Amino acid sequence: MTEQVPHDAIAAYGRVAKDYQYRTQYGESFFEGLASRVEIGTESVVLDLCCGTGAVAAGLAQYCKAIEAVDGAPEMIALA
């Protein structure tokens, strides 16, 4: 059985998408630590669910073979 995220939650993230430009950026050490902690390697394929603006996917790209990033809010994808 598959549950879907309530449309209200997706719409809420869409409404705040424009404010993501003001968020503190992740530093390189964040991605290095994340890749190490979850054992991402050069042959890894990463799935980033609810990727938002794609900041985490972009930062991890150098550590893995491929990344698939998806988000339910079109406004977030437009900023990615």
N, C-alpha and C. Protein backbone atom coordinates (compact mmCIF):
# COMPACT_ATOMS: atom_id res chain seq x y z
N MET A 1 0.85 -1.18 0.00
CA MET A 1 0.00 0.00 0.00
C MET A 1 0.89 1.24 0.00
N THR A 2 0.60 2.15 -0.88
CA THR A 2 1.39 3.37 -1.00
C THR A 2 0.58 4.56 -0.49
N GLU A 3 1.18 5.31 0.42
CA GLU A 3 0.53 6.53 0.90
C GLU A 3 1.10 7.71 0.14
N GLN A 4 0.28 8.68 -0.12
CA GLN A 4 0.74 9.88 -0.81
C GLN A 4 0.83 11.04 0.17
N VAL A 5 1.77 11.93 -0.11
CA VAL A 5 1.90 13.14 0.71
C VAL A 5 0.67 14.00 0.46
N PRO A 6 0.05 14.50 1.53
CA PRO A 6 -1.12 15.36 1.33
C PRO A 6 -0.79 16.54 0.45
N HIS A 7 -1.68 16.86 -0.44
CA HIS A 7 -1.48 17.98 -1.36
C HIS A 7 -1.20 19.28 -0.60
N ASP A 8 -1.78 19.44 0.57
CA ASP A 8 -1.57 20.65 1.37
C ASP A 8 -0.08 20.82 1.72
N ALA A 9 0.60 19.73 2.04
CA ALA A 9 2.02 19.80 2.40
C ALA A 9 2.86 20.21 1.20
N ILE A 10 2.59 19.64 0.06
CA ILE A 10 3.32 20.00 -1.15
C ILE A 10 3.07 21.46 -1.50
N ALA A 11 1.84 21.89 -1.41
CA ALA A 11 1.50 23.29 -1.70
C ALA A 11 2.19 24.24 -0.73
N ALA A 12 2.33 23.84 0.53
CA ALA A 12 2.99 24.69 1.52
C ALA A 12 4.45 24.92 1.13
N TYR A 13 5.14 23.87 0.71
CA TYR A 13 6.53 24.04 0.28
C TYR A 13 6.60 24.90 -0.98
N GLY A 14 5.64 24.76 -1.85
CA GLY A 14 5.60 25.60 -3.05
C GLY A 14 5.48 27.07 -2.71
N ARG A 15 4.71 27.37 -1.67
CA ARG A 15 4.52 28.77 -1.28
C ARG A 15 5.78 29.40 -0.70
N VAL A 16 6.64 28.60 -0.09
CA VAL A 16 7.85 29.16 0.52
C VAL A 16 9.08 29.00 -0.37
N ALA A 17 8.91 28.46 -1.56
CA ALA A 17 10.05 28.21 -2.45
C ALA A 17 10.87 29.47 -2.69
N LYS A 18 10.22 30.59 -2.87
CA LYS A 18 10.93 31.84 -3.15
C LYS A 18 11.84 32.26 -2.00
N ASP A 19 11.55 31.80 -0.80
CA ASP A 19 12.36 32.17 0.37
C ASP A 19 13.62 31.33 0.52
N TYR A 20 13.75 30.27 -0.25
CA TYR A 20 14.92 29.41 -0.14
C TYR A 20 16.21 30.13 -0.51
N GLN A 21 16.12 31.18 -1.28
CA GLN A 21 17.33 31.93 -1.65
C GLN A 21 18.00 32.56 -0.43
N TYR A 22 17.27 32.69 0.67
CA TYR A 22 17.81 33.31 1.88
C TYR A 22 18.37 32.29 2.88
N ARG A 23 18.24 31.02 2.57
CA ARG A 23 18.76 29.99 3.48
C ARG A 23 20.26 29.97 3.46
N THR A 24 20.86 29.60 4.57
CA THR A 24 22.31 29.43 4.64
C THR A 24 22.70 28.27 3.75
N GLN A 25 23.75 28.46 2.97
CA GLN A 25 24.21 27.42 2.06
C GLN A 25 24.97 26.34 2.84
N TYR A 26 24.89 25.11 2.35
CA TYR A 26 25.64 24.02 2.95
C TYR A 26 27.11 24.17 2.56
N GLY A 27 28.01 23.97 3.50
CA GLY A 27 29.44 24.03 3.22
C GLY A 27 29.95 22.72 2.65
N GLU A 28 31.11 22.76 2.03
CA GLU A 28 31.70 21.56 1.44
C GLU A 28 31.90 20.45 2.47
N SER A 29 32.24 20.83 3.70
CA SER A 29 32.46 19.82 4.74
C SER A 29 31.17 19.05 5.05
N PHE A 30 30.01 19.70 4.87
CA PHE A 30 28.73 19.02 5.08
C PHE A 30 28.60 17.85 4.11
N PHE A 31 28.87 18.10 2.82
CA PHE A 31 28.71 17.06 1.81
C PHE A 31 29.76 15.96 1.97
N GLU A 32 30.97 16.35 2.30
CA GLU A 32 32.03 15.38 2.52
C GLU A 32 31.65 14.45 3.68
N GLY A 33 31.16 15.04 4.77
CA GLY A 33 30.75 14.25 5.93
C GLY A 33 29.55 13.37 5.64
N LEU A 34 28.58 13.91 4.92
CA LEU A 34 27.39 13.13 4.58
C LEU A 34 27.75 11.95 3.69
N ALA A 35 28.56 12.19 2.68
CA ALA A 35 28.97 11.11 1.78
C ALA A 35 29.71 10.02 2.54
N SER A 36 30.55 10.42 3.46
CA SER A 36 31.30 9.45 4.27
C SER A 36 30.38 8.69 5.21
N ARG A 37 29.52 9.40 5.88
CA ARG A 37 28.65 8.79 6.90
C ARG A 37 27.71 7.74 6.31
N VAL A 38 27.15 8.02 5.14
CA VAL A 38 26.20 7.07 4.53
C VAL A 38 26.86 6.21 3.45
N GLU A 39 28.20 6.28 3.43
CA GLU A 39 29.00 5.44 2.55
C GLU A 39 28.66 5.58 1.07
N ILE A 40 28.58 6.83 0.62
CA ILE A 40 28.39 7.11 -0.81
C ILE A 40 29.75 7.03 -1.48
N GLY A 41 29.82 6.26 -2.55
CA GLY A 41 31.07 6.11 -3.28
C GLY A 41 30.90 6.41 -4.75
N THR A 42 31.98 6.30 -5.50
CA THR A 42 31.95 6.67 -6.91
C THR A 42 31.04 5.78 -7.76
N GLU A 43 30.63 4.65 -7.26
CA GLU A 43 29.70 3.78 -7.98
C GLU A 43 28.27 3.86 -7.42
N SER A 44 28.06 4.73 -6.44
CA SER A 44 26.73 4.86 -5.81
C SER A 44 25.77 5.63 -6.69
N VAL A 45 24.51 5.21 -6.64
CA VAL A 45 23.42 5.96 -7.25
C VAL A 45 22.55 6.45 -6.08
N VAL A 46 22.35 7.75 -6.00
CA VAL A 46 21.67 8.38 -4.87
C VAL A 46 20.28 8.82 -5.29
N LEU A 47 19.30 8.60 -4.42
CA LEU A 47 17.94 9.07 -4.62
C LEU A 47 17.66 10.16 -3.60
N ASP A 48 17.38 11.35 -4.07
CA ASP A 48 17.07 12.49 -3.20
C ASP A 48 15.58 12.79 -3.33
N LEU A 49 14.80 12.28 -2.37
CA LEU A 49 13.35 12.52 -2.36
C LEU A 49 13.06 13.85 -1.69
N CYS A 50 12.08 14.57 -2.20
CA CYS A 50 11.75 15.90 -1.69
C CYS A 50 12.99 16.78 -1.77
N CYS A 51 13.59 16.84 -2.94
CA CYS A 51 14.88 17.49 -3.14
C CYS A 51 14.83 19.01 -3.04
N GLY A 52 13.64 19.58 -3.02
CA GLY A 52 13.56 21.04 -2.93
C GLY A 52 14.25 21.70 -4.09
N THR A 53 15.17 22.59 -3.79
CA THR A 53 15.88 23.32 -4.84
C THR A 53 17.06 22.54 -5.41
N GLY A 54 17.32 21.35 -4.90
CA GLY A 54 18.38 20.51 -5.42
C GLY A 54 19.75 20.76 -4.82
N ALA A 55 19.83 21.52 -3.74
CA ALA A 55 21.13 21.87 -3.15
C ALA A 55 21.89 20.64 -2.67
N VAL A 56 21.21 19.70 -2.04
CA VAL A 56 21.89 18.51 -1.54
C VAL A 56 22.32 17.63 -2.71
N ALA A 57 21.46 17.45 -3.69
CA ALA A 57 21.81 16.65 -4.86
C ALA A 57 23.02 17.25 -5.58
N ALA A 58 23.04 18.54 -5.76
CA ALA A 58 24.16 19.19 -6.44
C ALA A 58 25.45 19.03 -5.64
N GLY A 59 25.37 19.16 -4.34
CA GLY A 59 26.55 19.03 -3.50
C GLY A 59 27.11 17.63 -3.43
N LEU A 60 26.24 16.63 -3.55
CA LEU A 60 26.69 15.24 -3.49
C LEU A 60 27.15 14.69 -4.84
N ALA A 61 26.87 15.41 -5.90
CA ALA A 61 27.14 14.92 -7.25
C ALA A 61 28.60 14.49 -7.44
N GLN A 62 29.53 15.20 -6.83
CA GLN A 62 30.94 14.86 -7.02
C GLN A 62 31.36 13.57 -6.32
N TYR A 63 30.52 13.06 -5.43
CA TYR A 63 30.88 11.88 -4.65
C TYR A 63 30.28 10.58 -5.19
N CYS A 64 29.38 10.67 -6.17
CA CYS A 64 28.68 9.47 -6.61
C CYS A 64 28.63 9.36 -8.13
N LYS A 65 28.12 8.23 -8.58
CA LYS A 65 27.99 7.98 -10.02
C LYS A 65 26.82 8.76 -10.62
N ALA A 66 25.68 8.79 -9.92
CA ALA A 66 24.49 9.45 -10.43
C ALA A 66 23.56 9.81 -9.28
N ILE A 67 22.73 10.82 -9.51
CA ILE A 67 21.71 11.21 -8.53
C ILE A 67 20.39 11.39 -9.26
N GLU A 68 19.33 10.84 -8.69
CA GLU A 68 17.97 11.08 -9.14
C GLU A 68 17.32 11.93 -8.06
N ALA A 69 16.84 13.11 -8.41
CA ALA A 69 16.25 14.02 -7.45
C ALA A 69 14.83 14.36 -7.89
N VAL A 70 13.88 14.22 -6.97
CA VAL A 70 12.48 14.51 -7.29
C VAL A 70 11.85 15.34 -6.17
N ASP A 71 10.88 16.14 -6.56
CA ASP A 71 10.13 16.93 -5.61
C ASP A 71 8.72 17.10 -6.14
N GLY A 72 7.75 17.15 -5.25
CA GLY A 72 6.35 17.28 -5.64
C GLY A 72 5.89 18.71 -5.88
N ALA A 73 6.70 19.69 -5.47
CA ALA A 73 6.31 21.10 -5.63
C ALA A 73 6.97 21.68 -6.88
N PRO A 74 6.18 21.98 -7.89
CA PRO A 74 6.74 22.55 -9.12
C PRO A 74 7.55 23.81 -8.90
N GLU A 75 7.19 24.58 -7.88
CA GLU A 75 7.92 25.81 -7.58
C GLU A 75 9.35 25.52 -7.14
N MET A 76 9.53 24.43 -6.40
CA MET A 76 10.87 24.03 -5.97
C MET A 76 11.69 23.58 -7.17
N ILE A 77 11.12 22.77 -8.02
CA ILE A 77 11.82 22.27 -9.20
C ILE A 77 12.23 23.43 -10.09
N ALA A 78 11.40 24.44 -10.18
CA ALA A 78 11.73 25.60 -11.02
C ALA A 78 12.98 26.31 -10.52
N LEU A 79 13.26 26.24 -9.22
CA LEU A 79 14.44 26.88 -8.65
C LEU A 79 15.68 26.01 -8.68
N ALA A 80 15.50 24.73 -8.97
CA ALA A 80 16.63 23.79 -8.95
C ALA A 80 17.57 24.02 -10.13
